[in-house]
Amino acid sequence: MVTWLADAFEPEFMQRALLAGLLASAASAVVGTWVVIRGLTFLGDALAHGVVPGLALAILWGFSPVVGAFLAALVMSGAVTVVTRRSRVREDTGIGLLFVGMLALGVVIISRADSFATNVTSVLFGDVLGVTWGDVRGQAIAAAAVVVASIVLYRPFLALAFNVDKASTLGMRPTLAHAALMVLLATAIVASFQAIGTLLVFGLLIGPPATAGLLVRRVPLIMVTAVALGAATVVAGLAISFHHDTAGGATIAGLAVAEFFVVLAAQEAARAVRLARHRHAV
């Protein structure tokens, strides 16, 4: 096993991919914990796809994809807030409409570029093996910002997650806390799209925190466990991709989801064994 892993991460491009994946999983796990606790998974998915128009414009006009993605994510989060508060449709309906609309707009914009198929594949599925040291440095800054902000805003986020009215009574300003969470979510997505892609970043955003929620209860422990689980999927996913020539981002995202079902199945099996023993004892 050690040799298998060492061979996979001997090339420099794999080392860059590993660092990029670990940073992406750390940022996603920390923000994803709040997303899972608050039941905002659909919003997280929509926001992950809402960055596509910004990426598309960056490709077409030749400016930084990070800037384009971040601005598009902020526009998407603002549009969701406006639609849900100003219209009569339910929140999930508004999010669904914006989700499809932003994704369609992004693909239409990309279609104007000469290398349409290559650009679409890169935006939607990422290119973890193509990240540069500059990309890694940018991800490190974004991941650090997400972690620090989550620590500083821990109490407002916690109050917002469990009781909005009490958060308001305690002066936590839940509206601003929600806006701050959306900015952190956008930052985590932008820091991850290069490695995982906009379609697959949702796997790292939800998979490890959801799995951690099966194993531990306290929010800080969920975050730490989610970061560890995310790191494990990145290492295993990249090694499998290297040795078996599979898509890196898709392999990582698939393992992040598979972890949840493996832990869930193990817990159900353990519960069934305990129940059988109890009945036998009786």
Protein backbone atom coordinates (compact mmCIF):
# COMPACT_ATOMS: atom_id res chain seq x y z
CA MET A 1 0.00 0.00 0.00
CA VAL A 2 2.82 2.42 0.89
CA THR A 3 4.58 1.71 -2.42
CA TRP A 4 1.28 2.06 -4.27
CA LEU A 5 0.74 5.53 -2.80
CA ALA A 6 4.38 6.58 -3.17
CA ASP A 7 4.41 5.69 -6.87
CA ALA A 8 1.23 7.69 -7.44
CA PHE A 9 2.56 10.89 -5.88
CA GLU A 10 6.12 10.76 -7.17
CA PRO A 11 5.48 12.98 -10.24
CA GLU A 12 5.39 16.72 -9.54
CA PHE A 13 2.04 17.21 -11.24
CA MET A 14 0.53 14.65 -8.86
CA GLN A 15 2.03 16.49 -5.89
CA ARG A 16 0.40 19.70 -7.09
CA ALA A 17 -2.88 17.85 -7.60
CA LEU A 18 -2.65 16.42 -4.08
CA LEU A 19 -2.11 19.83 -2.47
CA ALA A 20 -4.91 21.36 -4.56
CA GLY A 21 -7.27 18.55 -3.64
CA LEU A 22 -6.45 18.73 0.07
CA LEU A 23 -6.99 22.49 0.16
CA ALA A 24 -10.26 22.14 -1.75
CA SER A 25 -11.50 19.42 0.59
CA ALA A 26 -10.57 21.41 3.70
CA ALA A 27 -12.39 24.56 2.59
CA SER A 28 -15.39 22.55 1.37
CA ALA A 29 -15.63 20.46 4.53
CA VAL A 30 -15.63 23.47 6.86
CA VAL A 31 -18.31 25.39 4.95
CA GLY A 32 -20.15 22.21 4.03
CA THR A 33 -20.66 21.45 7.72
CA TRP A 34 -22.82 24.56 8.07
CA VAL A 35 -24.60 23.81 4.79
CA VAL A 36 -25.51 20.29 5.97
CA ILE A 37 -26.54 21.40 9.47
CA ARG A 38 -28.79 24.14 8.10
CA GLY A 39 -30.32 21.92 5.40
CA LEU A 40 -29.05 24.13 2.57
CA THR A 41 -27.73 21.35 0.35
CA PHE A 42 -29.86 22.32 -2.66
CA LEU A 43 -28.70 25.92 -2.33
CA GLY A 44 -25.09 24.72 -2.16
CA ASP A 45 -25.58 22.66 -5.31
CA ALA A 46 -27.18 25.58 -7.13
CA LEU A 47 -24.43 27.95 -6.08
CA ALA A 48 -21.78 25.49 -7.28
CA HIS A 49 -23.36 25.56 -10.72
CA GLY A 50 -24.11 29.27 -10.59
CA VAL A 51 -20.42 30.10 -11.06
CA VAL A 52 -20.45 28.73 -14.63
CA PRO A 53 -21.38 32.03 -16.36
CA GLY A 54 -18.50 33.81 -14.60
CA LEU A 55 -16.07 31.09 -15.65
CA ALA A 56 -17.44 31.22 -19.18
CA LEU A 57 -16.94 34.97 -19.46
CA ALA A 58 -13.41 34.59 -18.08
CA ILE A 59 -12.63 32.03 -20.79
CA LEU A 60 -14.20 34.14 -23.52
CA TRP A 61 -12.72 37.50 -22.51
CA GLY A 62 -9.42 36.27 -21.11
CA PHE A 63 -9.49 37.42 -17.48
CA SER A 64 -9.00 35.47 -14.23
CA PRO A 65 -11.43 32.53 -13.86
CA VAL A 66 -11.25 32.95 -10.07
CA VAL A 67 -12.56 36.51 -10.31
CA GLY A 68 -15.28 35.48 -12.74
CA ALA A 69 -16.39 32.54 -10.62
CA PHE A 70 -16.45 34.56 -7.41
CA LEU A 71 -18.49 37.38 -8.91
CA ALA A 72 -20.94 34.92 -10.46
CA ALA A 73 -21.32 33.14 -7.11
CA LEU A 74 -22.12 36.42 -5.38
CA VAL A 75 -24.66 37.30 -8.08
CA MET A 76 -26.24 33.86 -7.74
CA SER A 77 -26.53 34.07 -3.94
CA GLY A 78 -27.99 37.58 -4.20
CA ALA A 79 -30.47 36.48 -6.86
CA VAL A 80 -31.62 33.57 -4.69
CA THR A 81 -32.26 35.96 -1.79
CA VAL A 82 -34.22 38.39 -3.99
CA VAL A 83 -36.34 35.71 -5.66
CA THR A 84 -37.25 33.95 -2.41
CA ARG A 85 -38.13 37.17 -0.60
CA ARG A 86 -39.80 39.15 -3.38
CA SER A 87 -41.80 36.48 -5.21
CA ARG A 88 -44.56 34.11 -4.19
CA VAL A 89 -42.76 30.97 -5.30
CA ARG A 90 -41.24 28.61 -2.74
CA GLU A 91 -37.55 28.89 -2.01
CA ASP A 92 -36.67 25.57 -3.65
CA THR A 93 -38.53 26.60 -6.81
CA GLY A 94 -36.60 29.86 -7.08
CA ILE A 95 -33.29 28.09 -6.45
CA GLY A 96 -34.12 25.45 -9.07
CA LEU A 97 -34.96 28.06 -11.70
CA LEU A 98 -31.77 30.02 -11.05
CA PHE A 99 -29.74 26.80 -10.97
CA VAL A 100 -30.82 25.73 -14.46
CA GLY A 101 -30.79 29.26 -15.81
CA MET A 102 -27.23 30.05 -14.70
CA LEU A 103 -25.91 26.69 -15.92
CA ALA A 104 -27.58 27.14 -19.30
CA LEU A 105 -26.30 30.71 -19.60
CA GLY A 106 -22.78 29.57 -18.82
CA VAL A 107 -22.81 26.82 -21.45
CA VAL A 108 -24.24 29.22 -24.04
CA ILE A 109 -21.44 31.69 -23.33
CA ILE A 110 -18.78 28.97 -23.50
CA SER A 111 -20.20 27.84 -26.84
CA ARG A 112 -18.95 31.12 -28.28
CA ALA A 113 -15.35 30.06 -27.59
CA ASP A 114 -13.32 28.21 -30.23
CA SER A 115 -12.48 25.18 -28.04
CA PHE A 116 -16.05 24.59 -26.86
CA ALA A 117 -15.82 20.89 -25.88
CA THR A 118 -12.50 21.30 -24.03
CA ASN A 119 -13.67 24.36 -22.11
CA VAL A 120 -16.99 22.81 -21.10
CA THR A 121 -15.27 19.66 -19.85
CA SER A 122 -12.73 21.68 -17.86
CA VAL A 123 -15.34 23.93 -16.26
CA LEU A 124 -17.83 21.20 -15.39
CA PHE A 125 -15.45 18.42 -14.37
CA GLY A 126 -12.24 20.23 -13.42
CA ASP A 127 -8.64 19.43 -14.29
CA VAL A 128 -6.93 18.43 -11.06
CA LEU A 129 -3.83 17.21 -12.89
CA GLY A 130 -3.44 20.57 -14.61
CA VAL A 131 -3.27 22.85 -11.57
CA THR A 132 -0.22 25.10 -11.25
CA TRP A 133 1.69 26.24 -8.18
CA GLY A 134 -0.04 29.60 -8.65
CA ASP A 135 -3.41 27.85 -8.42
CA VAL A 136 -2.27 26.07 -5.26
CA ARG A 137 -1.20 29.36 -3.64
CA GLY A 138 -4.56 30.91 -4.47
CA GLN A 139 -6.36 27.91 -3.01
CA ALA A 140 -4.27 28.12 0.15
CA ILE A 141 -5.27 31.75 0.68
CA ALA A 142 -8.95 30.95 0.07
CA ALA A 143 -8.90 27.92 2.37
CA ALA A 144 -7.20 29.90 5.14
CA ALA A 145 -9.78 32.69 4.79
CA VAL A 146 -12.64 30.19 5.02
CA VAL A 147 -11.24 28.49 8.13
CA VAL A 148 -10.41 31.75 9.93
CA ALA A 149 -13.80 33.30 9.11
CA SER A 150 -15.60 30.15 10.27
CA ILE A 151 -13.78 30.33 13.61
CA VAL A 152 -14.45 34.05 14.07
CA LEU A 153 -18.13 33.70 13.11
CA TYR A 154 -18.68 30.39 14.90
CA ARG A 155 -21.24 31.67 17.42
CA PRO A 156 -23.41 33.57 14.89
CA PHE A 157 -23.33 30.58 12.50
CA LEU A 158 -24.21 28.17 15.32
CA ALA A 159 -27.12 30.32 16.51
CA LEU A 160 -28.33 30.73 12.95
CA ALA A 161 -28.18 26.99 12.34
CA PHE A 162 -30.38 26.01 15.27
CA ASN A 163 -32.69 28.94 16.05
CA VAL A 164 -33.00 32.04 13.85
CA ASP A 165 -35.32 33.84 16.27
CA LYS A 166 -32.99 33.27 19.20
CA ALA A 167 -30.05 34.41 17.10
CA SER A 168 -31.89 37.66 16.44
CA THR A 169 -32.78 38.06 20.12
CA LEU A 170 -29.13 37.58 21.10
CA GLY A 171 -28.09 40.30 18.66
CA MET A 172 -26.35 37.87 16.29
CA ARG A 173 -27.87 39.59 13.22
CA PRO A 174 -28.90 36.42 11.36
CA THR A 175 -29.33 38.20 8.02
CA LEU A 176 -25.71 39.32 8.02
CA ALA A 177 -24.59 35.91 9.29
CA HIS A 178 -26.41 34.24 6.40
CA ALA A 179 -24.81 36.65 3.93
CA ALA A 180 -21.39 35.91 5.41
CA LEU A 181 -22.02 32.18 5.08
CA MET A 182 -22.96 32.65 1.41
CA VAL A 183 -19.69 34.51 0.81
CA LEU A 184 -17.72 31.72 2.48
CA LEU A 185 -19.61 29.13 0.45
CA ALA A 186 -18.80 31.02 -2.74
CA THR A 187 -15.14 31.23 -1.69
CA ALA A 188 -14.96 27.49 -1.01
CA ILE A 189 -16.55 26.69 -4.37
CA VAL A 190 -14.22 29.03 -6.23
CA ALA A 191 -11.23 27.50 -4.43
CA SER A 192 -12.35 24.02 -5.51
CA PHE A 193 -13.59 24.27 -9.08
CA GLN A 194 -10.14 24.04 -10.68
CA ALA A 195 -9.50 20.67 -9.04
CA ILE A 196 -12.98 19.16 -8.96
CA GLY A 197 -15.12 21.12 -11.42
CA THR A 198 -18.45 22.84 -10.83
CA LEU A 199 -20.54 19.69 -11.30
CA LEU A 200 -18.48 17.62 -8.86
CA VAL A 201 -17.53 20.13 -6.13
CA PHE A 202 -20.89 19.37 -4.54
CA GLY A 203 -19.52 15.91 -3.65
CA LEU A 204 -16.76 17.38 -1.47
CA LEU A 205 -19.08 20.05 -0.12
CA ILE A 206 -21.73 17.62 1.17
CA GLY A 207 -20.23 14.12 1.27
CA PRO A 208 -17.61 14.41 4.06
CA PRO A 209 -19.74 16.61 6.39
CA ALA A 210 -22.76 14.33 5.95
CA THR A 211 -20.61 11.28 6.70
CA ALA A 212 -19.05 13.01 9.71
CA GLY A 213 -22.56 13.74 10.99
CA LEU A 214 -23.15 9.99 11.18
CA LEU A 215 -20.07 9.51 13.34
CA VAL A 216 -20.00 12.50 15.72
CA ARG A 217 -22.47 15.07 17.04
CA ARG A 218 -20.67 18.24 18.12
CA VAL A 219 -20.15 20.81 15.36
CA PRO A 220 -16.37 21.26 15.85
CA LEU A 221 -15.90 17.48 15.77
CA ILE A 222 -18.03 17.24 12.63
CA MET A 223 -15.78 19.80 10.94
CA VAL A 224 -12.54 18.08 11.97
CA THR A 225 -13.87 14.66 10.98
CA ALA A 226 -15.16 16.02 7.66
CA VAL A 227 -11.75 17.51 6.86
CA ALA A 228 -10.11 14.15 7.60
CA LEU A 229 -12.63 12.24 5.51
CA GLY A 230 -12.25 14.70 2.65
CA ALA A 231 -8.47 14.37 2.76
CA ALA A 232 -8.79 10.57 2.64
CA THR A 233 -10.99 10.74 -0.46
CA VAL A 234 -8.53 13.08 -2.18
CA VAL A 235 -5.54 10.82 -1.50
CA ALA A 236 -7.39 7.63 -2.47
CA GLY A 237 -9.10 9.23 -5.46
CA LEU A 238 -5.90 10.60 -6.95
CA ALA A 239 -4.03 7.33 -6.39
CA ILE A 240 -6.81 5.35 -8.07
CA SER A 241 -6.89 7.88 -10.90
CA PHE A 242 -3.14 7.57 -11.41
CA HIS A 243 -2.98 3.77 -11.38
CA HIS A 244 -6.23 3.04 -13.23
CA ASP A 245 -6.43 6.05 -15.58
CA THR A 246 -9.77 7.38 -14.32
CA ALA A 247 -10.92 11.01 -14.17
CA GLY A 248 -9.36 12.54 -11.05
CA GLY A 249 -12.14 14.92 -10.03
CA ALA A 250 -14.89 12.39 -10.65
CA THR A 251 -13.05 9.69 -8.70
CA ILE A 252 -12.59 12.00 -5.71
CA ALA A 253 -16.23 13.14 -5.76
CA GLY A 254 -17.47 9.57 -6.15
CA LEU A 255 -15.45 8.37 -3.16
CA ALA A 256 -16.71 11.29 -1.08
CA VAL A 257 -20.27 10.12 -1.71
CA ALA A 258 -19.40 6.42 -1.34
CA GLU A 259 -17.95 7.10 2.15
CA PHE A 260 -21.39 8.15 3.36
CA PHE A 261 -23.11 4.98 2.20
CA VAL A 262 -20.32 2.74 3.50
CA VAL A 263 -20.57 4.28 6.99
CA LEU A 264 -24.37 4.21 6.86
CA ALA A 265 -24.38 0.52 5.84
CA ALA A 266 -21.85 -0.33 8.59
CA GLN A 267 -23.97 1.41 11.22
CA GLU A 268 -27.14 -0.33 10.04
CA ALA A 269 -25.34 -3.70 10.13
CA ALA A 270 -24.05 -3.01 13.64
CA ARG A 271 -27.54 -1.98 14.75
CA ALA A 272 -29.01 -5.18 13.33
CA VAL A 273 -26.39 -7.28 15.14
CA ARG A 274 -27.11 -5.54 18.46
CA LEU A 275 -30.85 -6.04 17.99
CA ALA A 276 -30.36 -9.72 17.20
CA ARG A 277 -28.19 -10.18 20.30
CA HIS A 278 -30.76 -8.40 22.45
CA ARG A 279 -33.56 -10.61 21.19
CA HIS A 280 -31.44 -13.72 21.74
CA ALA A 281 -30.63 -12.62 25.29
CA VAL A 282 -34.31 -12.05 26.03
